[in-house]
Amino acid sequence: MGGLAIRGIRNFKVQNQAEREISKMKPSPAPRHPSTNSLLQKQMSVNPEIKGEIAHKDDKLLSFLKDVYVDSKDPVSSVQVKVAETHQEPEEFRLPKGQHFDMTNIKSVPKGKISIVEALTLLNNHKLYPETWTAEKIVQEYLLEQKDVNSLLKYFVTFEVKVFSPEDKKPE
């Protein structure tokens, strides 16, 4: 019983909205540019049959328009295609070197990459023992690329803190 009342109210609202939309003023065409308007007036004065052609509706063209059927499908987005093309093989992982500094949150490191702790360790080892910790040994030990290791050793250094005791200072 309640469904009938609700359906009647809903249908009444839809009908009112439809009547309101139909009774609205139709939009007027956009104004033409003055130069275009003057050219049109000149052509109409020279050829008066053009005005009749503009107002006349061609039934043959309207029938063609009714026969047109458009069936479209959403194109596959280029992002999905690129994702499918750039599917990479699963990376190989290695266990992190050294278990100091409580590295419990790091379970595995991708090959070709190192953790912060490992970077600091290898930089410190290279600084303290440059004969044994050469770039080639670091490449083999951490599975890195040679150019990356060379850049790392060239541009990064670890901090060194020197504490001078009062006895070491010379009197001034």
Protein backbone atom coordinates (compact mmCIF):
# COMPACT_ATOMS: atom_id res chain seq x y z
CA MET A 1 0.00 0.00 0.00
CA GLY A 2 2.78 2.41 0.91
CA GLY A 3 4.68 1.47 -2.27
CA LEU A 4 1.82 2.72 -4.43
CA ALA A 5 1.81 6.12 -2.74
CA ILE A 6 5.58 6.51 -2.98
CA ARG A 7 5.61 5.42 -6.63
CA GLY A 8 2.84 7.92 -7.45
CA ILE A 9 4.74 10.78 -5.77
CA ARG A 10 7.97 9.79 -7.52
CA ASN A 11 6.28 9.61 -10.93
CA PHE A 12 4.60 12.96 -10.30
CA LYS A 13 7.99 14.56 -9.53
CA VAL A 14 9.48 13.10 -12.72
CA GLN A 15 6.59 14.36 -14.84
CA ASN A 16 6.87 17.86 -13.34
CA GLN A 17 10.60 17.96 -14.01
CA ALA A 18 10.10 16.80 -17.60
CA GLU A 19 7.40 19.43 -18.24
CA ARG A 20 9.62 22.14 -16.75
CA GLU A 21 12.53 21.17 -19.03
CA ILE A 22 10.30 21.05 -22.10
CA SER A 23 8.75 24.44 -21.38
CA LYS A 24 12.14 26.17 -20.96
CA MET A 25 13.31 28.55 -23.65
CA LYS A 26 15.56 26.90 -26.17
CA PRO A 27 19.07 28.31 -26.37
CA SER A 28 19.67 30.82 -29.10
CA PRO A 29 22.56 30.30 -31.51
CA ALA A 30 25.82 32.05 -30.75
CA PRO A 31 26.22 35.48 -32.36
CA ARG A 32 28.15 35.57 -35.59
CA HIS A 33 31.23 37.63 -36.14
CA PRO A 34 30.42 40.96 -37.83
CA SER A 35 32.58 40.20 -40.86
CA THR A 36 30.84 36.83 -41.35
CA ASN A 37 27.43 38.42 -40.93
CA SER A 38 28.12 41.04 -43.62
CA LEU A 39 29.38 38.37 -46.06
CA LEU A 40 26.28 36.28 -45.45
CA GLN A 41 23.99 39.25 -46.08
CA LYS A 42 25.83 40.03 -49.32
CA GLN A 43 25.52 36.43 -50.56
CA MET A 44 21.82 36.33 -49.70
CA SER A 45 21.17 39.54 -51.59
CA VAL A 46 22.99 38.17 -54.66
CA ASN A 47 21.36 34.71 -54.48
CA PRO A 48 17.90 34.88 -52.84
CA GLU A 49 17.33 31.12 -53.28
CA ILE A 50 20.02 30.46 -50.63
CA LYS A 51 17.63 31.69 -47.93
CA GLY A 52 15.11 29.06 -48.99
CA GLU A 53 17.80 26.35 -49.04
CA ILE A 54 18.84 27.20 -45.49
CA ALA A 55 15.28 26.97 -44.13
CA HIS A 56 14.37 23.83 -46.15
CA LYS A 57 14.79 20.42 -44.50
CA ASP A 58 15.90 17.64 -46.80
CA ASP A 59 13.90 14.46 -46.11
CA LYS A 60 16.46 12.26 -47.85
CA LEU A 61 19.25 13.47 -45.53
CA LEU A 62 16.99 13.10 -42.50
CA SER A 63 16.28 9.47 -43.44
CA PHE A 64 20.01 8.85 -43.75
CA LEU A 65 20.44 10.32 -40.30
CA LYS A 66 17.82 7.96 -38.87
CA ASP A 67 19.60 4.96 -40.38
CA VAL A 68 22.89 5.75 -38.67
CA TYR A 69 23.70 3.40 -35.84
CA VAL A 70 26.77 4.00 -33.73
CA ASP A 71 28.21 1.27 -31.58
CA SER A 72 31.25 2.31 -29.62
CA LYS A 73 33.44 0.71 -27.02
CA ASP A 74 35.77 2.44 -24.61
CA PRO A 75 39.31 2.36 -25.93
CA VAL A 76 41.94 0.64 -23.84
CA SER A 77 43.77 3.38 -21.98
CA SER A 78 47.42 3.84 -22.84
CA VAL A 79 48.35 3.51 -19.16
CA GLN A 80 47.05 -0.07 -19.08
CA VAL A 81 48.92 -0.89 -22.29
CA LYS A 82 52.17 0.55 -20.92
CA VAL A 83 51.76 -1.39 -17.69
CA ALA A 84 51.31 -4.59 -19.66
CA GLU A 85 54.35 -3.84 -21.83
CA THR A 86 56.64 -2.93 -18.96
CA HIS A 87 55.99 -6.10 -16.96
CA GLN A 88 59.31 -6.93 -15.38
CA GLU A 89 60.65 -10.20 -14.22
CA PRO A 90 60.64 -10.65 -10.46
CA GLU A 91 63.74 -9.15 -8.91
CA GLU A 92 66.29 -11.35 -7.25
CA PHE A 93 66.89 -10.60 -3.61
CA ARG A 94 69.81 -11.20 -1.32
CA LEU A 95 70.15 -11.21 2.44
CA PRO A 96 71.69 -8.05 3.93
CA LYS A 97 75.39 -8.25 4.84
CA GLY A 98 76.29 -8.04 8.51
CA GLN A 99 73.78 -8.24 11.30
CA HIS A 100 74.93 -5.30 13.39
CA PHE A 101 72.84 -2.20 14.12
CA ASP A 102 69.80 -4.46 14.66
CA MET A 103 68.65 -4.69 11.05
CA THR A 104 65.51 -6.68 11.94
CA ASN A 105 63.24 -4.52 9.79
CA ILE A 106 65.20 -5.33 6.61
CA LYS A 107 64.42 -8.85 5.45
CA SER A 108 65.93 -8.77 1.95
CA VAL A 109 67.60 -6.30 -0.39
CA PRO A 110 67.15 -6.35 -4.19
CA LYS A 111 70.25 -7.26 -6.17
CA GLY A 112 71.99 -4.16 -7.42
CA LYS A 113 70.95 -2.14 -4.34
CA ILE A 114 72.27 -1.74 -0.81
CA SER A 115 70.81 -0.63 2.49
CA ILE A 116 71.96 2.48 4.35
CA VAL A 117 73.80 0.40 6.93
CA GLU A 118 75.59 -1.55 4.19
CA ALA A 119 76.55 1.68 2.41
CA LEU A 120 78.03 3.13 5.58
CA THR A 121 79.84 -0.14 6.31
CA LEU A 122 81.41 -0.43 2.87
CA LEU A 123 82.42 3.24 2.83
CA ASN A 124 84.04 2.87 6.25
CA ASN A 125 85.80 -0.36 5.25
CA HIS A 126 87.11 1.30 2.08
CA LYS A 127 88.37 4.27 4.08
CA LEU A 128 90.10 2.15 6.73
CA TYR A 129 91.44 -0.61 4.46
CA PRO A 130 91.60 0.68 0.86
CA GLU A 131 93.98 -2.12 -0.21
CA THR A 132 91.60 -4.92 0.73
CA TRP A 133 88.25 -3.17 0.14
CA THR A 134 88.72 -2.11 -3.47
CA ALA A 135 85.88 -1.19 -5.81
CA GLU A 136 86.09 -4.61 -7.49
CA LYS A 137 85.74 -6.45 -4.17
CA ILE A 138 82.73 -4.29 -3.22
CA VAL A 139 81.12 -5.06 -6.60
CA GLN A 140 81.51 -8.80 -5.99
CA GLU A 141 80.50 -8.68 -2.33
CA TYR A 142 77.34 -6.57 -2.66
CA LEU A 143 76.36 -7.50 -6.27
CA LEU A 144 76.48 -3.88 -7.51
CA GLU A 145 77.51 -2.30 -10.80
CA GLN A 146 81.09 -1.08 -11.21
CA LYS A 147 80.16 2.49 -12.25
CA ASP A 148 77.83 2.86 -9.26
CA VAL A 149 80.51 1.72 -6.83
CA ASN A 150 83.10 4.02 -8.39
CA SER A 151 80.72 6.97 -8.06
CA LEU A 152 79.87 6.00 -4.49
CA LEU A 153 83.52 5.84 -3.47
CA LYS A 154 84.33 9.08 -5.27
CA TYR A 155 81.48 11.30 -4.05
CA PHE A 156 80.51 9.93 -0.62
CA VAL A 157 82.55 9.80 2.57
CA THR A 158 81.64 8.85 6.10
CA PHE A 159 81.90 11.35 8.89
CA GLU A 160 84.92 11.16 11.14
CA VAL A 161 84.81 12.59 14.61
CA LYS A 162 88.10 13.52 16.23
CA VAL A 163 88.15 14.32 19.91
CA PHE A 164 91.23 16.17 21.15
CA SER A 165 92.18 15.73 24.76
CA PRO A 166 93.30 18.78 26.73
CA GLU A 167 96.86 17.35 26.98
CA ASP A 168 97.23 17.30 23.18
CA LYS A 169 96.65 21.05 22.89
CA LYS A 170 99.77 23.15 22.70
CA PRO A 171 100.01 26.18 24.99
CA GLU A 172 99.73 29.44 23.22
